[in-house]
C-alpha cells in the first residue's frame, strides 16, 4: 500500500520561512523545536562551541549535516526501490543503518509532507512497517552514541509526525503504532530508540506546549 504523497511549498511570512499546504501556512516541526529550545539546551550548545572553538565546532556541524543529507538521500532511494550509490565517506553510516533497513517490511510513504490543524507541517523520513508495526521513522547521524535523555527533541519531533500522519490519512483507517528513531554511527551499529503509543502520547502533550510557546513568540504566524 502506498499513501498519497503531498508536497509543501516554502513561503516567507514576515521574513520567516513557513510552509504552505492544503490552503494553510504553518511552521515546520523542526522550526518550532528550534525556536522554543530550552535555555539549558542552548547553554550546553554554547559551552560546547566555546570549549572546542568556533571553527572546530562549525566544521563538525557542517560535516555531520553533509553526511546526514547524503545518507537520507540514499535511504530514500532504497525504500522507494531505486538503486543506491553510496559514497565512500558515508559508507560507515550506511553499513551502520543497513541491519535496520533490512528489517523494513513495507514503506508506505517516503519523505512526504504531513500537517496538523494544531498548526504545523512535518516531513517524516518514512511511514513504514517495521517488525510488524506501522510507525513513523526519523533517520539521524551522530559522531558518538547518544543516551535517551539527550534526544528529547527527537522524541517530540516523531510524536508530532505521528499525530499529523494519523490526521492526514484518517480516511485510510491506518493508525500509527509507534515511532523509530535510528541513529547511524560511522564506526558502530546504529542506535535505535522505539516509542510506543503511550510514549508518543506523552511526548505529544509536551510538543503541544512547545507549539503554543512558539505561537506566543511568533504571534504574526498565528
C-alpha atoms as a PDB file:
ATOM      1  CA  UNK A   1       0.000   0.000   0.000  1.00  0.00           C
ATOM      2  CA  UNK A   2       1.220   3.473  -0.860  1.00  0.00           C
ATOM      3  CA  UNK A   3      -0.068   6.605   0.839  1.00  0.00           C
ATOM      4  CA  UNK A   4      -0.777   9.706  -1.218  1.00  0.00           C
ATOM      5  CA  UNK A   5       2.282  11.939  -1.171  1.00  0.00           C
ATOM      6  CA  UNK A   6       1.769  15.631  -0.503  1.00  0.00           C
ATOM      7  CA  UNK A   7       4.229  18.449  -1.087  1.00  0.00           C
ATOM      8  CA  UNK A   8       4.531  21.669   0.873  1.00  0.00           C
ATOM      9  CA  UNK A   9       5.565  24.946  -0.716  1.00  0.00           C
ATOM     10  CA  UNK A  10       8.094  27.105   1.122  1.00  0.00           C
ATOM     11  CA  UNK A  11       6.948  30.712   1.526  1.00  0.00           C
ATOM     12  CA  UNK A  12       8.027  33.734   3.561  1.00  0.00           C
ATOM     13  CA  UNK A  13       5.769  35.440   6.078  1.00  0.00           C
ATOM     14  CA  UNK A  14       7.293  38.484   7.754  1.00  0.00           C
ATOM     15  CA  UNK A  15      10.706  37.246   6.562  1.00  0.00           C
ATOM     16  CA  UNK A  16      10.209  33.904   8.274  1.00  0.00           C
ATOM     17  CA  UNK A  17      10.045  30.581   6.455  1.00  0.00           C
ATOM     18  CA  UNK A  18       6.780  28.699   6.692  1.00  0.00           C
ATOM     19  CA  UNK A  19       5.152  26.000   4.596  1.00  0.00           C
ATOM     20  CA  UNK A  20       2.013  26.308   2.516  1.00  0.00           C
ATOM     21  CA  UNK A  21      -0.038  23.153   2.185  1.00  0.00           C
ATOM     22  CA  UNK A  22      -3.705  22.366   1.670  1.00  0.00           C
ATOM     23  CA  UNK A  23      -4.559  26.048   1.940  1.00  0.00           C
ATOM     24  CA  UNK A  24      -2.740  26.582   5.246  1.00  0.00           C
ATOM     25  CA  UNK A  25       0.522  28.257   6.183  1.00  0.00           C
ATOM     26  CA  UNK A  26       2.273  26.564   9.064  1.00  0.00           C
ATOM     27  CA  UNK A  27       5.786  26.399  10.546  1.00  0.00           C
ATOM     28  CA  UNK A  28       7.765  23.184  10.318  1.00  0.00           C
ATOM     29  CA  UNK A  29       8.163  20.893  13.312  1.00  0.00           C
ATOM     30  CA  UNK A  30      11.928  21.404  13.448  1.00  0.00           C
ATOM     31  CA  UNK A  31      11.473  25.183  13.326  1.00  0.00           C
ATOM     32  CA  UNK A  32       9.059  25.030  16.258  1.00  0.00           C
ATOM     33  CA  UNK A  33      11.534  22.986  18.277  1.00  0.00           C
ATOM     34  CA  UNK A  34      14.470  25.227  17.362  1.00  0.00           C
ATOM     35  CA  UNK A  35      12.686  28.464  18.285  1.00  0.00           C
ATOM     36  CA  UNK A  36      11.487  27.028  21.606  1.00  0.00           C
ATOM     37  CA  UNK A  37      14.691  25.225  22.556  1.00  0.00           C
ATOM     38  CA  UNK A  38      15.043  25.382  26.358  1.00  0.00           C
ATOM     39  CA  UNK A  39      17.641  27.755  27.799  1.00  0.00           C
ATOM     40  CA  UNK A  40      19.672  24.911  29.317  1.00  0.00           C
ATOM     41  CA  UNK A  41      19.987  23.241  25.905  1.00  0.00           C
ATOM     42  CA  UNK A  42      21.111  26.499  24.320  1.00  0.00           C
ATOM     43  CA  UNK A  43      23.618  26.971  27.118  1.00  0.00           C
ATOM     44  CA  UNK A  44      25.028  23.464  26.662  1.00  0.00           C
ATOM     45  CA  UNK A  45      25.480  24.055  22.928  1.00  0.00           C
ATOM     46  CA  UNK A  46      27.147  27.418  23.549  1.00  0.00           C
ATOM     47  CA  UNK A  47      29.535  25.913  26.105  1.00  0.00           C
ATOM     48  CA  UNK A  48      30.450  23.083  23.727  1.00  0.00           C
ATOM     49  CA  UNK A  49      31.264  25.564  20.962  1.00  0.00           C
ATOM     50  CA  UNK A  50      33.352  27.634  23.360  1.00  0.00           C
ATOM     51  CA  UNK A  51      35.174  24.574  24.661  1.00  0.00           C
ATOM     52  CA  UNK A  52      36.353  23.234  21.306  1.00  0.00           C
ATOM     53  CA  UNK A  53      36.443  26.545  19.444  1.00  0.00           C
ATOM     54  CA  UNK A  54      34.033  28.086  16.971  1.00  0.00           C
ATOM     55  CA  UNK A  55      35.935  26.920  13.891  1.00  0.00           C
ATOM     56  CA  UNK A  56      36.158  23.305  15.039  1.00  0.00           C
ATOM     57  CA  UNK A  57      32.523  23.310  16.126  1.00  0.00           C
ATOM     58  CA  UNK A  58      31.391  24.646  12.764  1.00  0.00           C
ATOM     59  CA  UNK A  59      33.496  22.071  10.933  1.00  0.00           C
ATOM     60  CA  UNK A  60      31.947  19.239  12.951  1.00  0.00           C
ATOM     61  CA  UNK A  61      28.441  20.608  12.378  1.00  0.00           C
ATOM     62  CA  UNK A  62      28.994  21.000   8.641  1.00  0.00           C
ATOM     63  CA  UNK A  63      30.441  17.505   8.292  1.00  0.00           C
ATOM     64  CA  UNK A  64      27.573  15.955  10.234  1.00  0.00           C
ATOM     65  CA  UNK A  65      24.978  17.878   8.236  1.00  0.00           C
ATOM     66  CA  UNK A  66      26.519  16.872   4.908  1.00  0.00           C
ATOM     67  CA  UNK A  67      26.741  13.208   5.891  1.00  0.00           C
ATOM     68  CA  UNK A  68      23.165  13.230   7.155  1.00  0.00           C
ATOM     69  CA  UNK A  69      21.779  14.804   3.990  1.00  0.00           C
ATOM     70  CA  UNK A  70      23.544  12.354   1.697  1.00  0.00           C
ATOM     71  CA  UNK A  71      22.628   9.345   3.838  1.00  0.00           C
ATOM     72  CA  UNK A  72      18.978  10.413   3.810  1.00  0.00           C
ATOM     73  CA  UNK A  73      19.066  10.576   0.009  1.00  0.00           C
ATOM     74  CA  UNK A  74      20.359   7.014  -0.290  1.00  0.00           C
ATOM     75  CA  UNK A  75      17.935   5.635   2.300  1.00  0.00           C
ATOM     76  CA  UNK A  76      15.029   7.285   0.482  1.00  0.00           C
ATOM     77  CA  UNK A  77      16.173   5.739  -2.806  1.00  0.00           C
ATOM     78  CA  UNK A  78      16.438   2.304  -1.192  1.00  0.00           C
ATOM     79  CA  UNK A  79      12.978   2.492   0.393  1.00  0.00           C
ATOM     80  CA  UNK A  80      11.488   3.547  -2.945  1.00  0.00           C
ATOM     81  CA  UNK A  81      13.050   0.565  -4.674  1.00  0.00           C
ATOM     82  CA  UNK A  82      15.638   2.572  -6.573  1.00  0.00           C
ATOM     83  CA  UNK A  83      19.358   1.949  -6.986  1.00  0.00           C
ATOM     84  CA  UNK A  84      21.676   3.357  -4.353  1.00  0.00           C
ATOM     85  CA  UNK A  85      25.162   4.771  -4.834  1.00  0.00           C
ATOM     86  CA  UNK A  86      26.970   5.037  -1.523  1.00  0.00           C
ATOM     87  CA  UNK A  87      29.926   7.484  -1.470  1.00  0.00           C
ATOM     88  CA  UNK A  88      32.941   6.105   0.372  1.00  0.00           C
ATOM     89  CA  UNK A  89      32.860   8.789   3.052  1.00  0.00           C
ATOM     90  CA  UNK A  90      29.376   7.780   4.223  1.00  0.00           C
ATOM     91  CA  UNK A  91      29.911   4.055   3.777  1.00  0.00           C
ATOM     92  CA  UNK A  92      30.298   3.582   7.515  1.00  0.00           C
ATOM     93  CA  UNK A  93      26.964   5.263   8.201  1.00  0.00           C
ATOM     94  CA  UNK A  94      25.246   3.141   5.552  1.00  0.00           C
ATOM     95  CA  UNK A  95      26.673  -0.074   6.995  1.00  0.00           C
ATOM     96  CA  UNK A  96      25.585   1.115  10.426  1.00  0.00           C
ATOM     97  CA  UNK A  97      21.995   1.571   9.261  1.00  0.00           C
ATOM     98  CA  UNK A  98      21.747  -1.444   6.963  1.00  0.00           C
ATOM     99  CA  UNK A  99      20.529  -4.024   9.535  1.00  0.00           C
ATOM    100  CA  UNK A 100      17.588  -1.722  10.315  1.00  0.00           C
ATOM    101  CA  UNK A 101      16.779  -1.032   6.672  1.00  0.00           C
ATOM    102  CA  UNK A 102      16.850  -4.763   6.056  1.00  0.00           C
ATOM    103  CA  UNK A 103      14.005  -5.197   8.544  1.00  0.00           C
ATOM    104  CA  UNK A 104      11.668  -2.694   6.870  1.00  0.00           C
ATOM    105  CA  UNK A 105       8.744  -4.745   5.616  1.00  0.00           C
ATOM    106  CA  UNK A 106       6.971  -2.016   3.642  1.00  0.00           C
ATOM    107  CA  UNK A 107       7.472   1.707   3.089  1.00  0.00           C
ATOM    108  CA  UNK A 108       4.100   3.409   2.664  1.00  0.00           C
ATOM    109  CA  UNK A 109       5.428   6.963   2.414  1.00  0.00           C
ATOM    110  CA  UNK A 110       8.943   8.355   1.995  1.00  0.00           C
ATOM    111  CA  UNK A 111       9.688  11.996   2.827  1.00  0.00           C
ATOM    112  CA  UNK A 112       6.175  13.271   2.199  1.00  0.00           C
ATOM    113  CA  UNK A 113       4.698  16.350   3.857  1.00  0.00           C
ATOM    114  CA  UNK A 114       2.047  15.969   6.554  1.00  0.00           C
ATOM    115  CA  UNK A 115       0.265  18.629   8.575  1.00  0.00           C
ATOM    116  CA  UNK A 116      -1.929  19.017  11.643  1.00  0.00           C
ATOM    117  CA  UNK A 117      -4.646  21.528  12.369  1.00  0.00           C
ATOM    118  CA  UNK A 118      -2.898  22.329  15.645  1.00  0.00           C
ATOM    119  CA  UNK A 119      -0.711  24.431  13.348  1.00  0.00           C
ATOM    120  CA  UNK A 120       2.388  22.738  11.959  1.00  0.00           C
ATOM    121  CA  UNK A 121       3.853  20.849   8.999  1.00  0.00           C
ATOM    122  CA  UNK A 122       6.162  17.859   9.281  1.00  0.00           C
ATOM    123  CA  UNK A 123       8.292  15.774   6.969  1.00  0.00           C
ATOM    124  CA  UNK A 124       8.702  12.253   8.385  1.00  0.00           C
ATOM    125  CA  UNK A 125      11.545  10.374   6.756  1.00  0.00           C
ATOM    126  CA  UNK A 126       9.302   7.354   6.357  1.00  0.00           C
ATOM    127  CA  UNK A 127       5.962   5.856   7.273  1.00  0.00           C
ATOM    128  CA  UNK A 128       6.652   2.157   7.207  1.00  0.00           C
ATOM    129  CA  UNK A 129       6.007  -1.263   8.642  1.00  0.00           C
ATOM    130  CA  UNK A 130       8.908  -2.296  10.852  1.00  0.00           C
ATOM    131  CA  UNK A 131       8.938  -5.504  12.878  1.00  0.00           C
ATOM    132  CA  UNK A 132       5.228  -5.859  12.248  1.00  0.00           C
ATOM    133  CA  UNK A 133       4.228  -2.377  13.406  1.00  0.00           C
ATOM    134  CA  UNK A 134       3.205   0.691  11.434  1.00  0.00           C
ATOM    135  CA  UNK A 135       5.488   3.511  12.504  1.00  0.00           C
ATOM    136  CA  UNK A 136       6.953   6.858  11.593  1.00  0.00           C
ATOM    137  CA  UNK A 137      10.712   6.867  11.314  1.00  0.00           C
ATOM    138  CA  UNK A 138      13.388   9.501  11.577  1.00  0.00           C
ATOM    139  CA  UNK A 139      16.930   8.759  10.412  1.00  0.00           C
ATOM    140  CA  UNK A 140      19.753  10.545  12.226  1.00  0.00           C
ATOM    141  CA  UNK A 141      23.550  10.511  12.143  1.00  0.00           C
ATOM    142  CA  UNK A 142      25.885  11.096  15.056  1.00  0.00           C
ATOM    143  CA  UNK A 143      29.589  11.078  15.790  1.00  0.00           C
ATOM    144  CA  UNK A 144      29.117   9.441  19.193  1.00  0.00           C
ATOM    145  CA  UNK A 145      26.326   7.290  20.674  1.00  0.00           C
ATOM    146  CA  UNK A 146      23.515   9.159  22.374  1.00  0.00           C
ATOM    147  CA  UNK A 147      21.603   8.498  25.575  1.00  0.00           C
ATOM    148  CA  UNK A 148      17.799   8.520  25.616  1.00  0.00           C
ATOM    149  CA  UNK A 149      17.729  11.636  27.791  1.00  0.00           C
ATOM    150  CA  UNK A 150      19.755  13.516  25.163  1.00  0.00           C
ATOM    151  CA  UNK A 151      17.208  13.061  22.383  1.00  0.00           C
ATOM    152  CA  UNK A 152      14.087  14.550  23.936  1.00  0.00           C
ATOM    153  CA  UNK A 153      13.530  16.862  20.964  1.00  0.00           C
ATOM    154  CA  UNK A 154      13.804  13.911  18.572  1.00  0.00           C
ATOM    155  CA  UNK A 155      11.010  12.264  20.565  1.00  0.00           C
ATOM    156  CA  UNK A 156       8.865  15.388  20.339  1.00  0.00           C
ATOM    157  CA  UNK A 157       9.569  15.515  16.610  1.00  0.00           C
ATOM    158  CA  UNK A 158       8.338  11.997  15.855  1.00  0.00           C
ATOM    159  CA  UNK A 159       5.329  12.393  18.147  1.00  0.00           C
ATOM    160  CA  UNK A 160       4.269  15.428  16.110  1.00  0.00           C
ATOM    161  CA  UNK A 161       4.784  13.450  12.905  1.00  0.00           C
ATOM    162  CA  UNK A 162       2.693  10.553  14.220  1.00  0.00           C
ATOM    163  CA  UNK A 163      -0.238  12.800  15.097  1.00  0.00           C
ATOM    164  CA  UNK A 164      -0.091  14.508  11.699  1.00  0.00           C
ATOM    165  CA  UNK A 165       0.061  11.211   9.804  1.00  0.00           C
ATOM    166  CA  UNK A 166      -2.957   9.903  11.713  1.00  0.00           C
ATOM    167  CA  UNK A 167      -4.913  13.062  10.909  1.00  0.00           C
ATOM    168  CA  UNK A 168      -3.968  13.387   7.224  1.00  0.00           C
ATOM    169  CA  UNK A 169      -4.567   9.712   6.440  1.00  0.00           C
ATOM    170  CA  UNK A 170      -7.505   9.115   8.798  1.00  0.00           C
ATOM    171  CA  UNK A 171      -9.746   8.024   5.926  1.00  0.00           C
ATOM    172  CA  UNK A 172      -7.440   5.074   5.163  1.00  0.00           C
ATOM    173  CA  UNK A 173      -8.117   3.526   8.560  1.00  0.00           C
ATOM    174  CA  UNK A 174      -4.403   3.303   9.313  1.00  0.00           C
ATOM    175  CA  UNK A 175      -3.160   4.126  12.799  1.00  0.00           C
ATOM    176  CA  UNK A 176       0.458   4.757  13.766  1.00  0.00           C
ATOM    177  CA  UNK A 177       1.552   2.178  16.346  1.00  0.00           C
ATOM    178  CA  UNK A 178       4.928   3.620  17.253  1.00  0.00           C
ATOM    179  CA  UNK A 179       7.943   5.602  16.162  1.00  0.00           C
ATOM    180  CA  UNK A 180      11.512   4.613  15.391  1.00  0.00           C
ATOM    181  CA  UNK A 181      14.458   6.946  15.832  1.00  0.00           C
ATOM    182  CA  UNK A 182      17.503   5.361  14.201  1.00  0.00           C
ATOM    183  CA  UNK A 183      20.898   6.994  14.686  1.00  0.00           C
ATOM    184  CA  UNK A 184      23.681   5.899  12.336  1.00  0.00           C
ATOM    185  CA  UNK A 185      27.260   5.914  13.612  1.00  0.00           C
ATOM    186  CA  UNK A 186      30.292   5.917  11.350  1.00  0.00           C
ATOM    187  CA  UNK A 187      32.035   3.045  13.124  1.00  0.00           C
ATOM    188  CA  UNK A 188      29.348   1.123  15.016  1.00  0.00           C
ATOM    189  CA  UNK A 189      25.869  -0.365  14.567  1.00  0.00           C
ATOM    190  CA  UNK A 190      23.083   2.195  14.525  1.00  0.00           C
ATOM    191  CA  UNK A 191      21.273   3.010  17.730  1.00  0.00           C
ATOM    192  CA  UNK A 192      17.527   2.504  17.748  1.00  0.00           C
ATOM    193  CA  UNK A 193      15.043   4.148  20.066  1.00  0.00           C
ATOM    194  CA  UNK A 194      11.474   2.860  19.919  1.00  0.00           C
ATOM    195  CA  UNK A 195       8.498   4.877  21.132  1.00  0.00           C
ATOM    196  CA  UNK A 196       5.239   3.017  21.673  1.00  0.00           C
ATOM    197  CA  UNK A 197       1.823   4.669  21.604  1.00  0.00           C
ATOM    198  CA  UNK A 198       1.989   5.614  25.286  1.00  0.00           C
ATOM    199  CA  UNK A 199       5.401   7.240  24.758  1.00  0.00           C
ATOM    200  CA  UNK A 200       4.093   9.106  21.735  1.00  0.00           C
ATOM    201  CA  UNK A 201       1.112  10.418  23.670  1.00  0.00           C
ATOM    202  CA  UNK A 202       3.345  11.706  26.467  1.00  0.00           C
ATOM    203  CA  UNK A 203       5.656  13.465  24.036  1.00  0.00           C
ATOM    204  CA  UNK A 204       2.708  14.782  22.029  1.00  0.00           C
ATOM    205  CA  UNK A 205       1.460  16.683  25.078  1.00  0.00           C
ATOM    206  CA  UNK A 206       4.952  18.121  25.520  1.00  0.00           C
ATOM    207  CA  UNK A 207       5.125  19.107  21.857  1.00  0.00           C
ATOM    208  CA  UNK A 208       1.773  20.877  22.132  1.00  0.00           C
ATOM    209  CA  UNK A 209       3.237  23.005  24.922  1.00  0.00           C
ATOM    210  CA  UNK A 210       6.239  23.908  22.761  1.00  0.00           C
ATOM    211  CA  UNK A 211       3.926  24.694  19.839  1.00  0.00           C
ATOM    212  CA  UNK A 212       1.854  27.042  21.997  1.00  0.00           C
ATOM    213  CA  UNK A 213       5.067  28.712  23.135  1.00  0.00           C
ATOM    214  CA  UNK A 214       6.130  29.100  19.507  1.00  0.00           C
ATOM    215  CA  UNK A 215       2.956  30.969  18.615  1.00  0.00           C
ATOM    216  CA  UNK A 216       3.464  33.278  21.588  1.00  0.00           C
ATOM    217  CA  UNK A 217       6.963  34.061  20.306  1.00  0.00           C
ATOM    218  CA  UNK A 218       5.781  34.332  16.688  1.00  0.00           C
ATOM    219  CA  UNK A 219       2.268  35.831  17.009  1.00  0.00           C
ATOM    220  CA  UNK A 220       2.318  37.094  13.430  1.00  0.00           C
ATOM    221  CA  UNK A 221       2.071  33.475  12.274  1.00  0.00           C
ATOM    222  CA  UNK A 222      -0.936  32.540  14.416  1.00  0.00           C
END
